[in-house]
Amino acid sequence: MKTSLVISVLNESRSINSFLGSLSTQSQSPNEIIIVDGGSSDDTVAKINQWSPKLRSLHLISKKGANISTSRNLGIRKASGDVIAITDVGLLDKDWLRNITRPFSDSSVDVVGGFFHPSAPTFFQKALAAVTIPTLPEIKPSQFLPSSRSVAFRKSAWQEVHGYPEWIPICEDIIFDLKLKKSNFKFAFAPDAISFWEPRPNIHKFFRQYYLYSRSDGHALLWPKRHAVRYLTYLFLLIALIALVLQVYWPIGLVLLGGLIYTYRLYHRFSTHFPDATLSHRLAAAFFIPILTFIGDLAKMVGFPVGLYERATGKVIYEKF
C-alpha cells in the first residue's frame, strides 16, 4: 500500500520547521510528501526547500491564491499513493502515520479519522483549549467527523465524491466528511494517530476564527439546529437579566444551574488536557473559561447570519452535498 502525505500551507514560517522536524522522525515514512503553498508572502517556501535534502520524497507545488480545498485537491491529483494522509501544520506524534494508516489493512475501510491534542505554550491557549478541543472520552467514533488535522482516506473515495469542496474556504473538511458519509464509505477511528494543534494566541484571532467558521456554516447550511439552540439560550439569558432588574429572581437560578452544568465539562477538559497545571492556573481557568465560551458563542452568533445572508444574496456560489 503506497501512502502519499498531502499538506496545504500559507504563511507558516513560524511553525513549518518544527512541523517538518516531527515529520522527519516518523516511525513510518510516507512514500511521498506533497506540500502545496497557496502563495505565502513570508519565508515559508524557503524553509521548506531547506528540508529537501532530509526529506527526499518531498515535492513542493506553488499555487498562488489557492484556498485550502484547491491546494489539497491539487496535491492529491499529483499524488501517486493509493492512500492519502492529510494533516495541518502543527506537530505529529512519532507514530502518527503508522497509526493512521494501519486500519487500511482491512480492505473494507475507506476513511480513517485520527485524533488531536492541544499544544498550548501560554495560559490563554490552555484555557482556550478547554473551550475548543474535546477530550477522547467525549468522542463517539460512529459519529466522529475527522478533522483535516488528522485524517487519511483512499484516493478512490476522494475521486468518487469529487474531492474537497473548492467553493468554500473554511469548514471544507466537514463537508468532505459528510460527502463521504453520504456515499456510504466506511469510516474507522484511530485515537492513537495523534497530531498536536496550537489554539489561537489571543482573543482577536480566536474571535475571527470562530466568526469565519460560523459564517461558513451559514454558507453551507451546517448545524442549523445547533445554532438555533445557541440563540435561544442567550435569549433566555437576556430575559433572565431583565427579570433580575424587575426583582424576579428564579430565572437567574436556572441560568446559574445551566451555566454550572455546561462549564463543568470544560473545567474537566482543562484538567484532562493539562493534568500538571498549577493551582493558580486551575483557579484562573475557572474565571476565564466562561468568558472565552461567551466570546466564542458571540463570534458564532455574528458569523452564522452573515453566512446565511451571503448565501441568500448570491455572494457565495454554493454546491449541494
Foldseek 3Di string as FASTA:
>chain_A
DAEEEEEEDEQPVPQQVQAVVLQLLAPDHHQAYEYEYQAHPDCNVVVVVVCCVSRVRYDYHYHHNAFRQRRRVVRLVPDPGQKYKFAYRFHWDNHQVVQQCVVVVPVQAFKEAEAEAEDEPDLVQLLVCLQPHDDPVVDDFVPDQHDRRTMMGGSVLCVVLVGFDRLARPPSSVVSSVSSVVVVRHYHYRHVNYGYDTDDDDLVVLLVVLLSVLLSCQQQVNPPVVLVVLVVLVVLVVVQVVVVVVVNHVSVVVVVVVVCVVCVSSLVSSCVSCVPDDPVSSVVSVVCNVVSNVSSSVSNNVRNVNSNVCNVVVVGDDDHD
